[in-house]
Protein backbone atom coordinates (compact mmCIF):
# COMPACT_ATOMS: atom_id res chain seq x y z
CA MET A 1 89.66 16.75 -13.18
CA LYS A 2 89.16 15.67 -9.47
CA VAL A 3 85.86 16.46 -7.74
CA LEU A 4 84.84 16.03 -4.40
CA PHE A 5 81.52 13.87 -3.87
CA ASN A 6 80.07 13.41 -0.53
CA GLY A 7 83.61 13.85 1.17
CA ARG A 8 85.53 11.82 -1.52
CA LEU A 9 87.70 13.08 -3.99
CA MET A 10 86.97 11.00 -7.48
CA GLU A 11 87.53 11.64 -10.97
CA ARG A 12 84.40 13.85 -12.38
CA GLY A 13 83.57 10.93 -15.08
CA GLU A 14 82.69 8.25 -11.38
CA CYS A 15 80.67 11.21 -10.00
CA ALA A 16 76.95 9.97 -10.27
CA VAL A 17 74.27 11.85 -8.89
CA ASP A 18 70.81 9.37 -8.38
CA ILE A 19 67.71 10.25 -10.66
CA GLU A 20 65.57 10.91 -7.42
CA ASP A 21 67.92 13.35 -6.06
CA ARG A 22 65.87 16.45 -4.70
CA GLY A 23 68.31 19.25 -6.06
CA TYR A 24 67.98 17.26 -9.31
CA GLN A 25 63.94 17.04 -9.53
CA PHE A 26 63.43 20.29 -7.16
CA GLY A 27 66.18 22.22 -7.10
CA ASP A 28 66.20 21.30 -3.21
CA GLY A 29 69.24 22.65 -2.19
CA VAL A 30 71.84 25.38 -1.95
CA TYR A 31 75.02 26.48 -3.17
CA GLU A 32 78.44 29.15 -3.06
CA VAL A 33 80.68 30.12 -5.76
CA ILE A 34 84.19 30.41 -4.56
CA ARG A 35 86.82 32.26 -6.62
CA ILE A 36 90.46 31.46 -6.47
CA TYR A 37 93.16 33.57 -6.47
CA ASN A 38 96.97 32.49 -6.48
CA GLY A 39 96.10 28.70 -5.62
CA ILE A 40 93.51 30.68 -2.49
CA LEU A 41 89.93 30.58 -1.93
CA PHE A 42 89.34 33.65 -1.40
CA THR A 43 86.61 34.78 1.50
CA LEU A 44 86.20 31.28 2.19
CA GLY A 45 84.82 31.70 5.53
CA GLU A 46 82.45 33.95 4.77
CA HIS A 47 81.43 31.84 1.76
CA ILE A 48 81.23 28.89 4.48
CA ALA A 49 79.51 30.54 6.67
CA ARG A 50 76.59 31.55 4.13
CA LEU A 51 76.18 28.11 2.91
CA TYR A 52 75.46 26.74 6.41
CA LYS A 53 72.66 29.58 6.99
CA SER A 54 71.21 28.85 3.81
CA ALA A 55 71.19 24.80 4.92
CA ALA A 56 69.79 26.33 7.72
CA GLU A 57 66.73 28.27 6.49
CA ILE A 58 65.42 25.31 4.14
CA GLY A 59 65.90 22.56 7.00
CA ILE A 60 69.06 20.85 5.78
CA ASP A 61 71.04 19.52 8.56
CA LEU A 62 74.74 19.53 7.71
CA SER A 63 76.42 17.06 10.06
CA PHE A 64 79.46 17.57 9.17
CA SER A 65 81.80 20.85 10.75
CA GLU A 66 83.23 24.09 8.59
CA ALA A 67 86.21 23.38 9.47
CA GLU A 68 86.42 19.78 7.66
CA LEU A 69 84.41 20.98 4.84
CA LYS A 70 87.42 24.17 4.06
CA SER A 71 89.88 21.46 4.49
CA GLN A 72 88.26 18.83 1.70
CA LEU A 73 88.19 22.04 -0.54
CA LYS A 74 91.76 23.13 0.15
CA GLU A 75 92.60 19.68 -0.46
CA LEU A 76 90.77 19.75 -3.89
CA VAL A 77 91.96 23.36 -5.35
CA ASP A 78 95.56 21.91 -4.54
CA ILE A 79 95.07 18.46 -6.51
CA ASN A 80 93.34 20.21 -9.41
CA GLN A 81 96.34 22.86 -8.87
CA MET A 82 93.97 25.24 -9.82
CA ARG A 83 95.76 28.75 -9.27
CA ASP A 84 93.19 31.50 -10.52
CA GLY A 85 89.79 29.99 -11.26
CA GLY A 86 86.98 29.37 -9.19
CA LEU A 87 84.91 26.82 -7.19
CA TYR A 88 81.29 25.31 -7.37
CA LEU A 89 79.83 24.03 -3.97
CA GLN A 90 76.44 22.41 -3.73
CA VAL A 91 74.32 20.49 -1.01
CA THR A 92 70.93 18.81 -1.93
CA ARG A 93 69.00 17.80 0.41
CA GLY A 94 69.42 14.09 -1.10
CA LYS A 95 67.94 11.71 -2.45
CA ALA A 96 64.26 10.01 -1.79
CA PRO A 97 61.40 8.69 -3.73
CA ARG A 98 59.83 11.61 -5.53
CA LYS A 99 57.25 13.53 -4.00
CA HIS A 100 56.97 17.01 -2.41
CA GLN A 101 57.30 16.32 1.50
CA TYR A 102 59.87 14.49 2.07
CA GLU A 103 61.23 12.40 5.16
CA ALA A 104 63.25 13.22 8.09
CA GLY A 105 66.90 11.57 8.43
CA LEU A 106 67.47 12.01 4.46
CA THR A 107 71.81 12.35 3.63
CA PRO A 108 72.93 15.77 2.09
CA GLN A 109 74.56 14.96 -0.88
CA VAL A 110 77.47 17.70 -1.49
CA THR A 111 79.10 18.39 -4.82
CA ALA A 112 82.22 20.73 -5.29
CA TYR A 113 84.53 20.99 -8.27
CA THR A 114 86.77 23.65 -9.86
CA PHE A 115 86.89 25.35 -12.43
CA PRO A 116 89.23 28.29 -14.94
CA ILE A 117 87.73 31.97 -15.16
CA GLN A 118 88.43 34.36 -17.62
CA LYS A 119 88.77 37.94 -15.58
CA PRO A 120 86.27 40.39 -17.27
CA GLU A 121 89.29 42.76 -17.95
CA LYS A 122 87.22 44.61 -20.64
CA GLU A 123 84.55 44.90 -18.94
CA GLN A 124 86.12 46.17 -15.83
CA GLN A 125 87.97 48.74 -17.91
CA ASN A 126 85.47 50.18 -20.59
CA GLY A 127 82.03 49.33 -18.50
CA VAL A 128 79.04 47.24 -19.84
CA SER A 129 75.09 47.70 -20.76
CA ALA A 130 72.45 46.68 -18.69
CA ILE A 131 68.59 46.29 -19.04
CA THR A 132 65.91 46.21 -16.64
CA ALA A 133 63.69 43.56 -15.42
CA ASP A 134 60.70 43.39 -13.26
CA ASP A 135 61.61 41.14 -9.99
CA MET A 136 59.23 38.17 -9.68
CA ARG A 137 61.08 35.83 -7.81
CA TRP A 138 59.98 34.37 -4.53
CA LEU A 139 60.49 36.44 -1.33
CA ARG A 140 63.20 34.68 0.21
CA CYS A 141 66.17 35.75 -2.01
CA ASP A 142 68.74 35.71 1.09
CA ILE A 143 68.64 32.07 0.64
CA LYS A 144 71.28 31.18 -1.98
CA SER A 145 68.98 28.39 -3.08
CA LEU A 146 69.19 25.95 -6.37
CA ASN A 147 66.11 27.69 -7.46
CA LEU A 148 67.23 30.10 -10.21
CA LEU A 149 64.72 29.95 -13.01
CA TYR A 150 63.44 33.37 -13.00
CA ASN A 151 67.27 34.11 -13.06
CA VAL A 152 68.41 32.24 -15.73
CA MET A 153 65.07 33.55 -18.04
CA ILE A 154 66.03 37.29 -17.38
CA LYS A 155 69.89 36.90 -17.77
CA GLN A 156 69.15 35.48 -21.30
CA LYS A 157 66.79 38.43 -21.56
CA ALA A 158 69.70 40.38 -21.14
CA HIS A 159 72.25 38.53 -23.31
CA GLU A 160 69.80 38.38 -26.14
CA ALA A 161 69.56 42.54 -26.11
CA SER A 162 73.50 42.10 -25.81
CA SER A 163 73.60 43.52 -22.34
CA PHE A 164 76.04 41.93 -19.63
CA GLU A 165 73.47 42.03 -16.79
CA ALA A 166 69.94 42.50 -16.21
CA ILE A 167 68.79 44.82 -13.16
CA LEU A 168 65.75 43.84 -11.23
CA ILE A 169 62.87 46.01 -9.83
CA ARG A 170 60.52 45.74 -7.44
CA ASP A 171 57.83 47.92 -6.73
CA GLY A 172 59.49 50.70 -8.12
CA LEU A 173 62.56 50.06 -6.13
CA VAL A 174 65.96 48.43 -7.36
CA THR A 175 66.73 44.97 -5.99
CA GLU A 176 69.67 43.14 -7.52
CA GLY A 177 70.79 41.98 -10.67
CA THR A 178 70.31 38.28 -11.74
CA SER A 179 73.80 37.16 -10.57
CA SER A 180 75.28 40.51 -8.50
CA ASN A 181 74.45 42.84 -6.64
CA VAL A 182 73.85 46.70 -7.55
CA TYR A 183 75.12 50.10 -6.76
CA VAL A 184 74.01 53.54 -7.55
CA VAL A 185 76.38 56.21 -7.18
CA LYS A 186 74.79 59.70 -6.72
CA GLN A 187 76.46 63.07 -5.56
CA ASN A 188 79.76 61.13 -4.20
CA VAL A 189 77.47 59.05 -2.40
CA ILE A 190 77.29 55.00 -3.24
CA TYR A 191 73.77 53.66 -2.55
CA THR A 192 73.21 49.71 -2.74
CA HIS A 193 69.60 47.88 -1.22
CA PRO A 194 69.71 47.30 2.23
CA VAL A 195 70.11 43.28 3.52
CA THR A 196 66.39 41.96 3.46
CA THR A 197 64.89 39.14 2.39
CA LEU A 198 64.76 40.37 -1.23
CA ILE A 199 68.66 40.41 -1.98
CA LEU A 200 71.35 38.21 -1.61
CA ASN A 201 73.56 39.93 0.89
CA GLY A 202 76.83 38.95 -1.83
CA ILE A 203 80.56 37.96 -0.33
CA THR A 204 81.86 41.15 -2.36
CA ARG A 205 79.09 43.10 -1.75
CA MET A 206 80.21 42.58 2.05
CA LYS A 207 83.73 43.26 1.13
CA VAL A 208 83.33 46.32 -0.97
CA LEU A 209 80.83 48.25 1.82
CA GLN A 210 83.50 47.12 4.80
CA LEU A 211 86.43 48.94 1.96
CA CYS A 212 84.35 51.34 1.36
CA GLU A 213 84.42 52.58 5.01
CA GLN A 214 87.91 51.36 5.29
CA ASN A 215 88.60 54.46 2.78
CA GLY A 216 86.99 56.91 3.89
CA LEU A 217 83.90 56.50 0.63
CA ASN A 218 80.55 57.48 1.16
CA PHE A 219 77.76 54.69 1.32
CA GLU A 220 74.08 54.24 2.53
CA GLU A 221 71.98 50.93 2.13
CA LYS A 222 68.91 52.25 1.22
CA ALA A 223 66.67 51.31 -1.89
CA VAL A 224 66.31 53.61 -4.76
CA THR A 225 63.90 53.96 -7.51
CA LYS A 226 64.30 53.28 -11.37
CA ASP A 227 64.13 56.78 -11.75
CA GLU A 228 67.21 57.47 -9.48
CA LEU A 229 69.11 54.51 -10.94
CA LEU A 230 68.72 56.03 -14.76
CA ASP A 231 69.76 59.24 -12.93
CA ALA A 232 72.75 58.17 -11.60
CA ASP A 233 76.27 59.68 -11.76
CA GLU A 234 77.44 56.32 -11.65
CA VAL A 235 76.56 52.60 -11.63
CA PHE A 236 77.97 49.39 -10.83
CA ILE A 237 77.81 45.66 -10.05
CA THR A 238 79.84 43.22 -7.87
CA SER A 239 79.77 38.98 -7.66
CA THR A 240 82.37 36.85 -6.89
CA THR A 241 82.97 35.90 -10.45
CA ALA A 242 82.85 39.83 -11.82
CA GLU A 243 84.55 41.46 -8.69
CA VAL A 244 83.73 45.27 -9.56
CA ILE A 245 81.97 45.93 -13.33
CA PRO A 246 80.71 49.61 -14.37
CA VAL A 247 77.55 49.66 -15.75
CA THR A 248 77.47 52.91 -18.44
CA SER A 249 74.25 52.04 -20.19
CA ILE A 250 70.94 51.31 -18.49
CA ASP A 251 67.94 50.40 -21.00
CA GLY A 252 69.98 51.86 -23.96
CA GLN A 253 70.24 54.93 -21.73
CA THR A 254 73.52 56.23 -21.00
CA ILE A 255 74.62 56.57 -17.08
CA GLY A 256 76.57 59.73 -16.51
CA SER A 257 78.91 60.53 -18.51
CA GLY A 258 78.85 56.97 -20.28
CA ALA A 259 81.94 55.96 -19.06
CA PRO A 260 83.57 54.39 -15.56
CA GLY A 261 83.27 56.58 -12.61
CA PRO A 262 86.12 57.98 -10.49
CA LEU A 263 83.75 56.28 -7.51
CA THR A 264 83.61 53.07 -8.81
CA LYS A 265 87.54 53.26 -10.07
CA ASN A 266 88.09 53.69 -6.06
CA VAL A 267 85.90 50.87 -5.36
CA GLN A 268 87.78 48.75 -8.13
CA THR A 269 91.01 49.73 -6.68
CA ALA A 270 90.31 48.98 -2.98
CA LEU A 271 89.11 45.58 -3.75
CA GLN A 272 92.31 44.57 -6.21
CA ASN A 273 94.36 45.66 -3.23
CA SER A 274 92.20 43.40 -0.89
CA ILE A 275 92.65 40.43 -3.04
CA LEU A 276 96.43 40.79 -3.28
CA SER A 277 96.81 41.18 0.22
CA GLU A 278 94.95 38.36 1.30
CA THR A 279 95.76 35.67 -1.41
CA ALA A 280 99.50 36.56 -1.03
CA LYS A 281 101.39 33.32 -0.05
CA THR A 282 104.55 33.59 1.86
CA VAL A 283 107.50 31.44 1.06
């Protein structure tokens, strides 16, 4: 398998990260995960735009253009003959002697690789359970940074509770999942947390809200309480790799009827149609 490392395609075994890379030592960097369907990077433009925005927010200056990076990623997908899977892309500030502050002029380190994904069809069809947890992350969750320790800790807690996801609560309000955006359906209206520094504006989130508008599905960007979450008619989550997954149980409490609801199914169908349309290759 080939990987992309600082603009060069090479075998994975040839890729070496310096021990003083600031991403390795400080989590000083940003990343994206992009879904591949039919050999096409889905919503590539949106992912790369967000990568550049995240990098700018933490002061990483990318000298190469978005067009150059997109071209390299497409070449990586083609050379690995990856038709259905994912692409992980990471940018760190670069390598430097280990100290918290850094000098100007460091060269960012860029790594990308493709990987297979098993579509969570069972979870999409039947729904999953989730737990809730306090949202104790930093206040710049809008930056897709490498600092994911708290997310990892709480995701593991969900895993140990035989749950698919943990839904985070800050000051009594639902923010998002550890690796997903969260939606609450009540009386045929879809609610999700507005775009602030407290959540990551997921690419799938943006696509879903766009599709809701196009398909006449009522939605409102409004934070809901934990009580409203548990009293919802339907709950679902979205992410690049999970797509749209119904949540049928939270903290052991049944949500709605205990089965995937009609609005969730409508959103699933709309997203799948969009994926098929946007990744269809013409001969």
